């Protein structure tokens, strides 16, 4: 990514800075930033889902994944798992 600084009076570019951000890497399966999975202590979505399968059971996690999109990994999925775990 490049950022160009422009002189406000002349309108000419005065400096361009190039950088690469590692925090912008996305999980290939979900499109969600890897850093979000890292916040949960996981390397990627697959590891995150495996962690949920261990905590809640593979059957219920896999069933919910068939109806919930990856964008719900940290909200809707967790709410559904918590709701269902209260019944068992």
C-alpha atoms as a PDB file:
ATOM      1  CA  UNK A   1       0.000   0.000   0.000  1.00  0.00           C
ATOM      2  CA  UNK A   2       1.265   3.470  -0.829  1.00  0.00           C
ATOM      3  CA  UNK A   3       0.452   6.743   0.893  1.00  0.00           C
ATOM      4  CA  UNK A   4       1.238   9.945  -0.971  1.00  0.00           C
ATOM      5  CA  UNK A   5       1.473  13.271   0.814  1.00  0.00           C
ATOM      6  CA  UNK A   6       0.442  16.241  -1.308  1.00  0.00           C
ATOM      7  CA  UNK A   7       1.413  19.884  -0.788  1.00  0.00           C
ATOM      8  CA  UNK A   8      -1.826  21.724  -0.030  1.00  0.00           C
ATOM      9  CA  UNK A   9      -0.766  24.856  -1.906  1.00  0.00           C
ATOM     10  CA  UNK A  10       0.897  23.514  -5.031  1.00  0.00           C
ATOM     11  CA  UNK A  11      -1.015  20.246  -5.255  1.00  0.00           C
ATOM     12  CA  UNK A  12       2.235  18.406  -5.988  1.00  0.00           C
ATOM     13  CA  UNK A  13       3.192  15.125  -4.374  1.00  0.00           C
ATOM     14  CA  UNK A  14       5.917  15.756  -1.817  1.00  0.00           C
ATOM     15  CA  UNK A  15       6.445  12.307  -0.379  1.00  0.00           C
ATOM     16  CA  UNK A  16       5.262   8.747  -0.969  1.00  0.00           C
ATOM     17  CA  UNK A  17       5.556   6.034   1.639  1.00  0.00           C
ATOM     18  CA  UNK A  18       5.145   2.357   0.772  1.00  0.00           C
ATOM     19  CA  UNK A  19       4.407  -0.269   3.356  1.00  0.00           C
ATOM     20  CA  UNK A  20       2.995  -3.755   3.698  1.00  0.00           C
ATOM     21  CA  UNK A  21       0.724  -4.573   6.571  1.00  0.00           C
ATOM     22  CA  UNK A  22       0.817  -8.118   7.888  1.00  0.00           C
ATOM     23  CA  UNK A  23      -2.328  -7.532   9.914  1.00  0.00           C
ATOM     24  CA  UNK A  24      -4.365  -7.380   6.716  1.00  0.00           C
ATOM     25  CA  UNK A  25      -4.003 -11.098   5.972  1.00  0.00           C
ATOM     26  CA  UNK A  26      -7.358 -12.802   5.663  1.00  0.00           C
ATOM     27  CA  UNK A  27      -8.377 -16.379   6.270  1.00  0.00           C
ATOM     28  CA  UNK A  28      -8.892 -17.974   2.838  1.00  0.00           C
ATOM     29  CA  UNK A  29     -12.022 -19.851   3.946  1.00  0.00           C
ATOM     30  CA  UNK A  30     -13.897 -17.017   5.631  1.00  0.00           C
ATOM     31  CA  UNK A  31     -12.346 -13.790   4.360  1.00  0.00           C
ATOM     32  CA  UNK A  32     -12.095 -12.624   7.974  1.00  0.00           C
ATOM     33  CA  UNK A  33      -8.855 -11.050   9.176  1.00  0.00           C
ATOM     34  CA  UNK A  34      -6.499 -13.620  10.684  1.00  0.00           C
ATOM     35  CA  UNK A  35      -5.909 -11.229  13.574  1.00  0.00           C
ATOM     36  CA  UNK A  36      -9.512 -11.809  14.692  1.00  0.00           C
ATOM     37  CA  UNK A  37      -8.903 -15.548  15.029  1.00  0.00           C
ATOM     38  CA  UNK A  38      -5.597 -14.804  16.765  1.00  0.00           C
ATOM     39  CA  UNK A  39      -7.514 -12.782  19.366  1.00  0.00           C
ATOM     40  CA  UNK A  40      -9.246 -16.048  20.260  1.00  0.00           C
ATOM     41  CA  UNK A  41      -5.905 -17.872  20.507  1.00  0.00           C
ATOM     42  CA  UNK A  42      -6.112 -19.609  17.121  1.00  0.00           C
ATOM     43  CA  UNK A  43      -4.046 -19.460  13.931  1.00  0.00           C
ATOM     44  CA  UNK A  44      -6.984 -19.506  11.500  1.00  0.00           C
ATOM     45  CA  UNK A  45     -10.660 -20.370  11.094  1.00  0.00           C
ATOM     46  CA  UNK A  46     -10.075 -24.121  10.927  1.00  0.00           C
ATOM     47  CA  UNK A  47      -8.275 -24.086  14.274  1.00  0.00           C
ATOM     48  CA  UNK A  48     -10.963 -21.830  15.760  1.00  0.00           C
ATOM     49  CA  UNK A  49     -13.742 -24.169  14.642  1.00  0.00           C
ATOM     50  CA  UNK A  50     -11.846 -27.177  16.009  1.00  0.00           C
ATOM     51  CA  UNK A  51     -11.633 -25.382  19.354  1.00  0.00           C
ATOM     52  CA  UNK A  52     -15.401 -24.819  19.305  1.00  0.00           C
ATOM     53  CA  UNK A  53     -15.977 -28.477  18.404  1.00  0.00           C
ATOM     54  CA  UNK A  54     -13.956 -29.513  21.456  1.00  0.00           C
ATOM     55  CA  UNK A  55     -15.874 -27.112  23.705  1.00  0.00           C
ATOM     56  CA  UNK A  56     -19.423 -27.646  22.429  1.00  0.00           C
ATOM     57  CA  UNK A  57     -19.351 -30.875  20.424  1.00  0.00           C
ATOM     58  CA  UNK A  58     -18.685 -31.458  16.751  1.00  0.00           C
ATOM     59  CA  UNK A  59     -22.273 -32.327  15.826  1.00  0.00           C
ATOM     60  CA  UNK A  60     -23.822 -29.041  16.956  1.00  0.00           C
ATOM     61  CA  UNK A  61     -20.974 -26.877  15.619  1.00  0.00           C
ATOM     62  CA  UNK A  62     -21.074 -28.583  12.228  1.00  0.00           C
ATOM     63  CA  UNK A  63     -24.863 -28.321  12.071  1.00  0.00           C
ATOM     64  CA  UNK A  64     -24.800 -24.596  12.801  1.00  0.00           C
ATOM     65  CA  UNK A  65     -22.052 -24.042  10.235  1.00  0.00           C
ATOM     66  CA  UNK A  66     -24.416 -25.280   7.532  1.00  0.00           C
ATOM     67  CA  UNK A  67     -26.798 -22.373   8.183  1.00  0.00           C
ATOM     68  CA  UNK A  68     -24.574 -19.586   9.505  1.00  0.00           C
ATOM     69  CA  UNK A  69     -22.085 -17.724   7.284  1.00  0.00           C
ATOM     70  CA  UNK A  70     -18.463 -17.153   8.388  1.00  0.00           C
ATOM     71  CA  UNK A  71     -19.363 -13.566   9.274  1.00  0.00           C
ATOM     72  CA  UNK A  72     -21.229 -15.042  12.272  1.00  0.00           C
ATOM     73  CA  UNK A  73     -18.215 -16.964  13.639  1.00  0.00           C
ATOM     74  CA  UNK A  74     -17.819 -14.611  16.604  1.00  0.00           C
ATOM     75  CA  UNK A  75     -21.389 -13.464  17.152  1.00  0.00           C
ATOM     76  CA  UNK A  76     -24.279 -15.596  15.936  1.00  0.00           C
ATOM     77  CA  UNK A  77     -22.422 -18.896  16.129  1.00  0.00           C
ATOM     78  CA  UNK A  78     -21.304 -18.302  19.708  1.00  0.00           C
ATOM     79  CA  UNK A  79     -24.773 -17.112  20.751  1.00  0.00           C
ATOM     80  CA  UNK A  80     -26.383 -20.209  19.249  1.00  0.00           C
ATOM     81  CA  UNK A  81     -23.831 -22.512  20.875  1.00  0.00           C
ATOM     82  CA  UNK A  82     -24.331 -20.867  24.264  1.00  0.00           C
ATOM     83  CA  UNK A  83     -28.117 -21.022  23.920  1.00  0.00           C
ATOM     84  CA  UNK A  84     -28.030 -24.696  22.988  1.00  0.00           C
ATOM     85  CA  UNK A  85     -25.529 -25.614  25.701  1.00  0.00           C
ATOM     86  CA  UNK A  86     -27.967 -24.248  28.294  1.00  0.00           C
ATOM     87  CA  UNK A  87     -30.478 -26.914  27.235  1.00  0.00           C
ATOM     88  CA  UNK A  88     -28.115 -29.883  27.526  1.00  0.00           C
END
